[in-house]
C-alpha cells in the first residue's frame, strides 16, 4: 500500500516536472536566441569588413604586423575614420571641385554613367535629412481587393507615371517575407492608402516575422472600435471601361 502511494506520488511529480522543464527550456531559448543571433550577425559583419579593409592598409602601418594577435574591428574602425575624413575633405572647396571633376568623367562613360547616377540618387534620397522615404508604413489592398498588405511610402509619384494617371499617386515599396530587401514597386492612388500608426521598425519586424511579431495598437479605444476600411470601400468608386481596346480603371467622379 505504501509502495503504491510512493509510486503514484512519484508519477505525479514526474508529470509536473516535465512541463516545468520544458517551460524553463523555452524561456531560456527565447532569452538567449535573439542575443546569440544578433551577436553572430554583428561578428559576421565585423569580420567581413575586416577581411576587405585591413589588407588595404600598408604593412608598416598595420598594427597587426607588430602584434602576435589580430584586432577584431580594426577594419571597421579604419573604414569609419576614412569615410569621416573623405566627408570632411569633400565639404571644402577643393574637395567639391574634385568630386565634380570625377562626376564629369563618369558621366562620359555610357554604362558607368547610368549605374553611378542611379546609385547616387538612391543614397541621396534615403540619407537626406528632409527625405520622407521609408518613414511611413501604410496599408494597401494587394494583390486584389479584400487582401491587405503592409507597404512603405518612398515618395510622391512624378513624371510620366503621374501624368498618365487620373488620381494623385504615391510610390510604395511592398516588401516580401522574410527578406524585406526584395519586393515590388507599386504606384497607388493616395486616397486608397491607409496610413498606419505603427513605426517603420515595427512594420519591418512584422514583415520579417511573417506576422508572428505584431505591434500593439496604440490608438485610443474609441478609434480601435471604428474600422475605417473594408474590402468594398473603393469598389463603388471605379468602373471598368475600354479605351483604345485597353481596359482601364476610371473614377466615377466628375472631372
C-alpha atoms as a PDB file:
ATOM      1  CA  UNK A   1       0.000   0.000   0.000  1.00  0.00           C
ATOM      2  CA  UNK A   2       2.792   2.358   0.951  1.00  0.00           C
ATOM      3  CA  UNK A   3       4.720   1.415  -2.189  1.00  0.00           C
ATOM      4  CA  UNK A   4       1.722   2.180  -4.378  1.00  0.00           C
ATOM      5  CA  UNK A   5       1.327   5.604  -2.769  1.00  0.00           C
ATOM      6  CA  UNK A   6       5.014   6.379  -3.231  1.00  0.00           C
ATOM      7  CA  UNK A   7       4.872   5.177  -6.812  1.00  0.00           C
ATOM      8  CA  UNK A   8       1.780   7.243  -7.597  1.00  0.00           C
ATOM      9  CA  UNK A   9       3.247  10.343  -5.954  1.00  0.00           C
ATOM     10  CA  UNK A  10       6.468   9.870  -7.919  1.00  0.00           C
ATOM     11  CA  UNK A  11       4.498   9.605 -11.159  1.00  0.00           C
ATOM     12  CA  UNK A  12       2.584  12.798 -10.365  1.00  0.00           C
ATOM     13  CA  UNK A  13       5.823  14.623  -9.553  1.00  0.00           C
ATOM     14  CA  UNK A  14       7.379  13.476 -12.826  1.00  0.00           C
ATOM     15  CA  UNK A  15       4.339  14.645 -14.781  1.00  0.00           C
ATOM     16  CA  UNK A  16       4.603  18.071 -13.160  1.00  0.00           C
ATOM     17  CA  UNK A  17       8.374  18.225 -13.578  1.00  0.00           C
ATOM     18  CA  UNK A  18       8.483  17.571 -17.344  1.00  0.00           C
ATOM     19  CA  UNK A  19       6.233  20.522 -18.321  1.00  0.00           C
ATOM     20  CA  UNK A  20       8.186  22.738 -15.950  1.00  0.00           C
ATOM     21  CA  UNK A  21      11.499  21.732 -17.525  1.00  0.00           C
ATOM     22  CA  UNK A  22      10.032  22.327 -20.985  1.00  0.00           C
ATOM     23  CA  UNK A  23       8.808  25.758 -19.912  1.00  0.00           C
ATOM     24  CA  UNK A  24      12.198  26.686 -18.460  1.00  0.00           C
ATOM     25  CA  UNK A  25      13.960  25.482 -21.608  1.00  0.00           C
ATOM     26  CA  UNK A  26      11.731  27.557 -23.887  1.00  0.00           C
ATOM     27  CA  UNK A  27      12.165  30.596 -21.633  1.00  0.00           C
ATOM     28  CA  UNK A  28      15.941  30.221 -21.780  1.00  0.00           C
ATOM     29  CA  UNK A  29      15.816  29.748 -25.538  1.00  0.00           C
ATOM     30  CA  UNK A  30      13.709  32.887 -26.010  1.00  0.00           C
ATOM     31  CA  UNK A  31      16.199  34.893 -23.959  1.00  0.00           C
ATOM     32  CA  UNK A  32      19.432  33.603 -25.479  1.00  0.00           C
ATOM     33  CA  UNK A  33      18.416  33.051 -29.124  1.00  0.00           C
ATOM     34  CA  UNK A  34      17.908  36.740 -30.052  1.00  0.00           C
ATOM     35  CA  UNK A  35      21.108  37.720 -28.249  1.00  0.00           C
ATOM     36  CA  UNK A  36      23.089  34.919 -29.859  1.00  0.00           C
ATOM     37  CA  UNK A  37      21.799  35.580 -33.372  1.00  0.00           C
ATOM     38  CA  UNK A  38      22.428  39.319 -33.002  1.00  0.00           C
ATOM     39  CA  UNK A  39      25.971  38.668 -31.782  1.00  0.00           C
ATOM     40  CA  UNK A  40      26.650  36.274 -34.675  1.00  0.00           C
ATOM     41  CA  UNK A  41      25.382  38.764 -37.258  1.00  0.00           C
ATOM     42  CA  UNK A  42      27.427  41.587 -35.718  1.00  0.00           C
ATOM     43  CA  UNK A  43      30.523  39.364 -35.623  1.00  0.00           C
ATOM     44  CA  UNK A  44      29.992  38.343 -39.252  1.00  0.00           C
ATOM     45  CA  UNK A  45      29.680  41.976 -40.373  1.00  0.00           C
ATOM     46  CA  UNK A  46      32.816  42.985 -38.470  1.00  0.00           C
ATOM     47  CA  UNK A  47      34.819  40.086 -39.918  1.00  0.00           C
ATOM     48  CA  UNK A  48      33.522  40.814 -43.417  1.00  0.00           C
ATOM     49  CA  UNK A  49      34.640  44.448 -43.230  1.00  0.00           C
ATOM     50  CA  UNK A  50      37.979  43.461 -41.672  1.00  0.00           C
ATOM     51  CA  UNK A  51      38.698  40.989 -44.473  1.00  0.00           C
ATOM     52  CA  UNK A  52      38.111  43.672 -47.106  1.00  0.00           C
ATOM     53  CA  UNK A  53      39.591  46.767 -45.466  1.00  0.00           C
ATOM     54  CA  UNK A  54      42.559  45.529 -43.408  1.00  0.00           C
ATOM     55  CA  UNK A  55      44.538  44.153 -46.413  1.00  0.00           C
ATOM     56  CA  UNK A  56      44.384  47.634 -47.989  1.00  0.00           C
ATOM     57  CA  UNK A  57      46.423  49.089 -45.128  1.00  0.00           C
ATOM     58  CA  UNK A  58      50.193  49.124 -45.836  1.00  0.00           C
ATOM     59  CA  UNK A  59      52.086  46.551 -43.807  1.00  0.00           C
ATOM     60  CA  UNK A  60      54.201  49.072 -41.918  1.00  0.00           C
ATOM     61  CA  UNK A  61      51.085  50.983 -40.821  1.00  0.00           C
ATOM     62  CA  UNK A  62      49.099  47.897 -39.870  1.00  0.00           C
ATOM     63  CA  UNK A  63      49.131  47.351 -36.070  1.00  0.00           C
ATOM     64  CA  UNK A  64      48.601  43.627 -36.557  1.00  0.00           C
ATOM     65  CA  UNK A  65      52.084  43.448 -38.097  1.00  0.00           C
ATOM     66  CA  UNK A  66      53.647  44.196 -34.719  1.00  0.00           C
ATOM     67  CA  UNK A  67      51.188  42.261 -32.570  1.00  0.00           C
ATOM     68  CA  UNK A  68      51.052  38.484 -32.037  1.00  0.00           C
ATOM     69  CA  UNK A  69      47.262  38.549 -32.381  1.00  0.00           C
ATOM     70  CA  UNK A  70      44.664  40.096 -34.671  1.00  0.00           C
ATOM     71  CA  UNK A  71      42.489  43.055 -33.735  1.00  0.00           C
ATOM     72  CA  UNK A  72      38.789  42.405 -34.369  1.00  0.00           C
ATOM     73  CA  UNK A  73      37.068  45.526 -35.630  1.00  0.00           C
ATOM     74  CA  UNK A  74      40.247  47.157 -36.948  1.00  0.00           C
ATOM     75  CA  UNK A  75      38.868  47.271 -40.482  1.00  0.00           C
ATOM     76  CA  UNK A  76      35.607  48.755 -39.233  1.00  0.00           C
ATOM     77  CA  UNK A  77      37.500  51.466 -37.343  1.00  0.00           C
ATOM     78  CA  UNK A  78      39.666  52.264 -40.378  1.00  0.00           C
ATOM     79  CA  UNK A  79      36.574  52.421 -42.603  1.00  0.00           C
ATOM     80  CA  UNK A  80      34.830  54.801 -40.201  1.00  0.00           C
ATOM     81  CA  UNK A  81      37.848  57.111 -39.976  1.00  0.00           C
ATOM     82  CA  UNK A  82      38.369  57.036 -43.750  1.00  0.00           C
ATOM     83  CA  UNK A  83      34.745  57.900 -44.546  1.00  0.00           C
ATOM     84  CA  UNK A  84      34.796  60.702 -41.985  1.00  0.00           C
ATOM     85  CA  UNK A  85      37.966  62.185 -43.483  1.00  0.00           C
ATOM     86  CA  UNK A  86      36.566  61.910 -47.012  1.00  0.00           C
ATOM     87  CA  UNK A  87      33.396  63.678 -45.899  1.00  0.00           C
ATOM     88  CA  UNK A  88      35.438  66.449 -44.290  1.00  0.00           C
ATOM     89  CA  UNK A  89      37.573  66.877 -47.413  1.00  0.00           C
ATOM     90  CA  UNK A  90      34.620  66.970 -49.814  1.00  0.00           C
ATOM     91  CA  UNK A  91      32.991  69.679 -47.699  1.00  0.00           C
ATOM     92  CA  UNK A  92      35.770  72.072 -48.700  1.00  0.00           C
ATOM     93  CA  UNK A  93      36.184  73.971 -51.943  1.00  0.00           C
ATOM     94  CA  UNK A  94      38.956  71.744 -53.276  1.00  0.00           C
ATOM     95  CA  UNK A  95      37.070  68.600 -52.333  1.00  0.00           C
ATOM     96  CA  UNK A  96      33.914  69.725 -54.128  1.00  0.00           C
ATOM     97  CA  UNK A  97      35.974  70.509 -57.226  1.00  0.00           C
ATOM     98  CA  UNK A  98      37.493  67.015 -57.167  1.00  0.00           C
ATOM     99  CA  UNK A  99      34.042  65.437 -56.800  1.00  0.00           C
ATOM    100  CA  UNK A 100      32.589  67.477 -59.675  1.00  0.00           C
ATOM    101  CA  UNK A 101      35.552  66.592 -61.877  1.00  0.00           C
ATOM    102  CA  UNK A 102      35.153  62.907 -61.093  1.00  0.00           C
ATOM    103  CA  UNK A 103      31.423  63.054 -61.815  1.00  0.00           C
ATOM    104  CA  UNK A 104      32.031  64.723 -65.171  1.00  0.00           C
ATOM    105  CA  UNK A 105      34.410  61.911 -66.098  1.00  0.00           C
ATOM    106  CA  UNK A 106      31.901  59.252 -65.022  1.00  0.00           C
ATOM    107  CA  UNK A 107      29.084  60.957 -66.928  1.00  0.00           C
ATOM    108  CA  UNK A 108      31.017  60.412 -70.157  1.00  0.00           C
ATOM    109  CA  UNK A 109      31.048  56.641 -69.687  1.00  0.00           C
ATOM    110  CA  UNK A 110      27.865  55.119 -71.167  1.00  0.00           C
ATOM    111  CA  UNK A 111      27.270  52.170 -68.808  1.00  0.00           C
ATOM    112  CA  UNK A 112      29.009  53.514 -65.715  1.00  0.00           C
ATOM    113  CA  UNK A 113      27.082  56.773 -66.013  1.00  0.00           C
ATOM    114  CA  UNK A 114      23.695  55.091 -65.610  1.00  0.00           C
ATOM    115  CA  UNK A 115      24.791  52.919 -62.697  1.00  0.00           C
ATOM    116  CA  UNK A 116      26.504  55.764 -60.844  1.00  0.00           C
ATOM    117  CA  UNK A 117      23.661  58.256 -61.266  1.00  0.00           C
ATOM    118  CA  UNK A 118      21.048  55.727 -60.120  1.00  0.00           C
ATOM    119  CA  UNK A 119      23.019  54.679 -57.036  1.00  0.00           C
ATOM    120  CA  UNK A 120      23.829  58.278 -56.149  1.00  0.00           C
ATOM    121  CA  UNK A 121      20.199  59.345 -56.433  1.00  0.00           C
ATOM    122  CA  UNK A 122      19.035  56.446 -54.257  1.00  0.00           C
ATOM    123  CA  UNK A 123      21.538  57.228 -51.498  1.00  0.00           C
ATOM    124  CA  UNK A 124      20.821  60.956 -51.626  1.00  0.00           C
ATOM    125  CA  UNK A 125      17.088  60.290 -51.362  1.00  0.00           C
ATOM    126  CA  UNK A 126      17.361  57.835 -48.475  1.00  0.00           C
ATOM    127  CA  UNK A 127      20.026  59.695 -46.474  1.00  0.00           C
ATOM    128  CA  UNK A 128      18.669  63.203 -46.991  1.00  0.00           C
ATOM    129  CA  UNK A 129      17.530  64.719 -43.706  1.00  0.00           C
ATOM    130  CA  UNK A 130      14.311  66.057 -45.222  1.00  0.00           C
ATOM    131  CA  UNK A 131      13.545  62.848 -47.105  1.00  0.00           C
ATOM    132  CA  UNK A 132      10.301  61.025 -46.368  1.00  0.00           C
ATOM    133  CA  UNK A 133      11.464  57.770 -47.957  1.00  0.00           C
ATOM    134  CA  UNK A 134      10.701  54.722 -45.812  1.00  0.00           C
ATOM    135  CA  UNK A 135       9.451  56.909 -42.968  1.00  0.00           C
ATOM    136  CA  UNK A 136       5.805  55.872 -43.086  1.00  0.00           C
ATOM    137  CA  UNK A 137       4.194  52.444 -43.038  1.00  0.00           C
ATOM    138  CA  UNK A 138       0.867  52.087 -44.824  1.00  0.00           C
ATOM    139  CA  UNK A 139      -1.790  49.508 -45.597  1.00  0.00           C
ATOM    140  CA  UNK A 140      -2.870  48.803 -49.173  1.00  0.00           C
ATOM    141  CA  UNK A 141      -5.081  46.271 -50.910  1.00  0.00           C
ATOM    142  CA  UNK A 142      -2.777  43.850 -52.713  1.00  0.00           C
ATOM    143  CA  UNK A 143      -2.751  41.667 -54.782  1.00  0.00           C
ATOM    144  CA  UNK A 144      -6.535  42.026 -55.061  1.00  0.00           C
ATOM    145  CA  UNK A 145      -9.491  43.640 -53.343  1.00  0.00           C
ATOM    146  CA  UNK A 146     -10.062  42.264 -49.872  1.00  0.00           C
ATOM    147  CA  UNK A 147      -6.435  41.275 -49.222  1.00  0.00           C
ATOM    148  CA  UNK A 148      -4.272  43.751 -47.341  1.00  0.00           C
ATOM    149  CA  UNK A 149      -0.512  44.201 -47.318  1.00  0.00           C
ATOM    150  CA  UNK A 150       1.957  46.424 -45.486  1.00  0.00           C
ATOM    151  CA  UNK A 151       4.000  48.798 -47.617  1.00  0.00           C
ATOM    152  CA  UNK A 152       6.287  51.788 -47.192  1.00  0.00           C
ATOM    153  CA  UNK A 153       5.903  55.148 -48.896  1.00  0.00           C
ATOM    154  CA  UNK A 154       9.084  56.069 -50.750  1.00  0.00           C
ATOM    155  CA  UNK A 155       7.859  59.322 -52.252  1.00  0.00           C
ATOM    156  CA  UNK A 156       5.269  61.061 -54.380  1.00  0.00           C
ATOM    157  CA  UNK A 157       4.877  59.792 -57.924  1.00  0.00           C
ATOM    158  CA  UNK A 158       6.190  62.211 -60.530  1.00  0.00           C
ATOM    159  CA  UNK A 159       6.906  62.350 -64.225  1.00  0.00           C
ATOM    160  CA  UNK A 160       5.215  60.260 -66.873  1.00  0.00           C
ATOM    161  CA  UNK A 161       3.647  57.776 -64.449  1.00  0.00           C
ATOM    162  CA  UNK A 162       1.798  60.525 -62.576  1.00  0.00           C
ATOM    163  CA  UNK A 163       0.813  62.337 -65.763  1.00  0.00           C
ATOM    164  CA  UNK A 164      -0.771  59.171 -67.159  1.00  0.00           C
ATOM    165  CA  UNK A 165      -2.869  58.508 -64.059  1.00  0.00           C
ATOM    166  CA  UNK A 166      -6.000  60.373 -63.123  1.00  0.00           C
ATOM    167  CA  UNK A 167      -5.551  60.367 -59.340  1.00  0.00           C
ATOM    168  CA  UNK A 168      -2.589  61.604 -57.352  1.00  0.00           C
ATOM    169  CA  UNK A 169      -0.436  58.555 -56.706  1.00  0.00           C
ATOM    170  CA  UNK A 170       2.399  57.707 -54.341  1.00  0.00           C
ATOM    171  CA  UNK A 171       5.337  55.340 -54.697  1.00  0.00           C
ATOM    172  CA  UNK A 172       5.014  52.377 -52.360  1.00  0.00           C
ATOM    173  CA  UNK A 173       7.616  49.699 -51.764  1.00  0.00           C
ATOM    174  CA  UNK A 174       5.948  46.381 -50.961  1.00  0.00           C
ATOM    175  CA  UNK A 175       8.484  44.114 -49.189  1.00  0.00           C
ATOM    176  CA  UNK A 176       8.478  40.337 -49.229  1.00  0.00           C
ATOM    177  CA  UNK A 177       8.627  37.968 -46.269  1.00  0.00           C
ATOM    178  CA  UNK A 178      11.041  37.080 -44.692  1.00  0.00           C
ATOM    179  CA  UNK A 179      13.503  39.094 -46.804  1.00  0.00           C
ATOM    180  CA  UNK A 180      12.323  42.727 -46.826  1.00  0.00           C
ATOM    181  CA  UNK A 181      15.187  43.844 -49.082  1.00  0.00           C
ATOM    182  CA  UNK A 182      13.302  42.452 -52.076  1.00  0.00           C
ATOM    183  CA  UNK A 183       9.810  43.434 -53.097  1.00  0.00           C
ATOM    184  CA  UNK A 184       7.694  45.353 -55.569  1.00  0.00           C
ATOM    185  CA  UNK A 185       7.288  48.993 -56.558  1.00  0.00           C
ATOM    186  CA  UNK A 186       3.627  49.994 -56.710  1.00  0.00           C
ATOM    187  CA  UNK A 187       2.012  53.259 -57.770  1.00  0.00           C
ATOM    188  CA  UNK A 188      -1.099  53.569 -55.621  1.00  0.00           C
ATOM    189  CA  UNK A 189      -3.679  56.384 -55.543  1.00  0.00           C
ATOM    190  CA  UNK A 190      -3.145  58.376 -52.378  1.00  0.00           C
ATOM    191  CA  UNK A 191      -6.807  58.121 -51.397  1.00  0.00           C
ATOM    192  CA  UNK A 192      -6.542  54.317 -51.353  1.00  0.00           C
ATOM    193  CA  UNK A 193      -3.562  54.299 -48.991  1.00  0.00           C
ATOM    194  CA  UNK A 194      -4.335  53.696 -45.321  1.00  0.00           C
ATOM    195  CA  UNK A 195      -1.661  55.195 -43.018  1.00  0.00           C
ATOM    196  CA  UNK A 196      -0.607  53.112 -40.025  1.00  0.00           C
ATOM    197  CA  UNK A 197       0.263  54.427 -36.576  1.00  0.00           C
ATOM    198  CA  UNK A 198       2.930  51.765 -36.087  1.00  0.00           C
ATOM    199  CA  UNK A 199       6.517  52.826 -36.695  1.00  0.00           C
ATOM    200  CA  UNK A 200       8.543  51.693 -39.689  1.00  0.00           C
ATOM    201  CA  UNK A 201      10.683  49.500 -37.420  1.00  0.00           C
ATOM    202  CA  UNK A 202       7.598  47.764 -36.044  1.00  0.00           C
ATOM    203  CA  UNK A 203       6.227  47.229 -39.541  1.00  0.00           C
ATOM    204  CA  UNK A 204       9.543  45.747 -40.706  1.00  0.00           C
ATOM    205  CA  UNK A 205       9.564  43.355 -37.740  1.00  0.00           C
ATOM    206  CA  UNK A 206       6.047  42.265 -38.599  1.00  0.00           C
ATOM    207  CA  UNK A 207       7.006  41.628 -42.228  1.00  0.00           C
ATOM    208  CA  UNK A 208      10.193  39.721 -41.374  1.00  0.00           C
ATOM    209  CA  UNK A 209       8.447  37.538 -38.796  1.00  0.00           C
ATOM    210  CA  UNK A 210       5.585  36.755 -41.140  1.00  0.00           C
ATOM    211  CA  UNK A 211       3.086  38.279 -38.729  1.00  0.00           C
ATOM    212  CA  UNK A 212       4.361  36.418 -35.663  1.00  0.00           C
ATOM    213  CA  UNK A 213       5.591  39.666 -34.112  1.00  0.00           C
ATOM    214  CA  UNK A 214       2.608  42.017 -34.080  1.00  0.00           C
ATOM    215  CA  UNK A 215       2.969  45.511 -32.586  1.00  0.00           C
ATOM    216  CA  UNK A 216       0.228  46.681 -30.223  1.00  0.00           C
ATOM    217  CA  UNK A 217      -2.441  49.099 -31.365  1.00  0.00           C
ATOM    218  CA  UNK A 218      -1.592  52.353 -29.564  1.00  0.00           C
ATOM    219  CA  UNK A 219      -4.628  54.223 -30.806  1.00  0.00           C
ATOM    220  CA  UNK A 220      -7.396  55.196 -28.439  1.00  0.00           C
ATOM    221  CA  UNK A 221     -10.045  52.614 -27.567  1.00  0.00           C
ATOM    222  CA  UNK A 222     -12.627  54.614 -29.484  1.00  0.00           C
ATOM    223  CA  UNK A 223     -10.580  54.534 -32.688  1.00  0.00           C
ATOM    224  CA  UNK A 224      -9.815  50.833 -32.282  1.00  0.00           C
ATOM    225  CA  UNK A 225     -13.527  50.074 -32.349  1.00  0.00           C
ATOM    226  CA  UNK A 226     -14.125  52.048 -35.553  1.00  0.00           C
ATOM    227  CA  UNK A 227     -12.684  50.334 -38.667  1.00  0.00           C
ATOM    228  CA  UNK A 228     -12.130  52.831 -41.462  1.00  0.00           C
ATOM    229  CA  UNK A 229     -11.636  50.488 -44.418  1.00  0.00           C
ATOM    230  CA  UNK A 230     -13.083  47.290 -45.806  1.00  0.00           C
ATOM    231  CA  UNK A 231     -12.694  45.241 -48.956  1.00  0.00           C
ATOM    232  CA  UNK A 232     -15.614  47.094 -50.529  1.00  0.00           C
ATOM    233  CA  UNK A 233     -14.596  50.628 -49.622  1.00  0.00           C
ATOM    234  CA  UNK A 234     -13.302  51.507 -53.071  1.00  0.00           C
ATOM    235  CA  UNK A 235     -15.360  49.137 -55.212  1.00  0.00           C
ATOM    236  CA  UNK A 236     -18.055  51.714 -55.919  1.00  0.00           C
ATOM    237  CA  UNK A 237     -15.509  54.358 -56.902  1.00  0.00           C
ATOM    238  CA  UNK A 238     -14.264  52.585 -60.009  1.00  0.00           C
ATOM    239  CA  UNK A 239     -15.852  51.316 -63.187  1.00  0.00           C
ATOM    240  CA  UNK A 240     -14.278  49.268 -65.917  1.00  0.00           C
ATOM    241  CA  UNK A 241     -14.436  50.591 -69.440  1.00  0.00           C
ATOM    242  CA  UNK A 242     -12.459  50.205 -72.613  1.00  0.00           C
ATOM    243  CA  UNK A 243     -10.359  52.886 -74.172  1.00  0.00           C
ATOM    244  CA  UNK A 244      -8.320  52.134 -77.257  1.00  0.00           C
ATOM    245  CA  UNK A 245      -9.127  48.442 -76.684  1.00  0.00           C
ATOM    246  CA  UNK A 246      -7.289  48.500 -73.343  1.00  0.00           C
ATOM    247  CA  UNK A 247      -9.252  48.025 -70.093  1.00  0.00           C
ATOM    248  CA  UNK A 248      -8.533  50.772 -67.583  1.00  0.00           C
ATOM    249  CA  UNK A 249      -9.965  51.852 -64.251  1.00  0.00           C
ATOM    250  CA  UNK A 250     -11.601  55.263 -64.345  1.00  0.00           C
ATOM    251  CA  UNK A 251     -13.037  57.121 -61.384  1.00  0.00           C
ATOM    252  CA  UNK A 252     -16.786  57.789 -61.366  1.00  0.00           C
ATOM    253  CA  UNK A 253     -16.197  61.273 -60.059  1.00  0.00           C
ATOM    254  CA  UNK A 254     -16.834  64.085 -62.493  1.00  0.00           C
ATOM    255  CA  UNK A 255     -13.711  65.828 -63.690  1.00  0.00           C
END
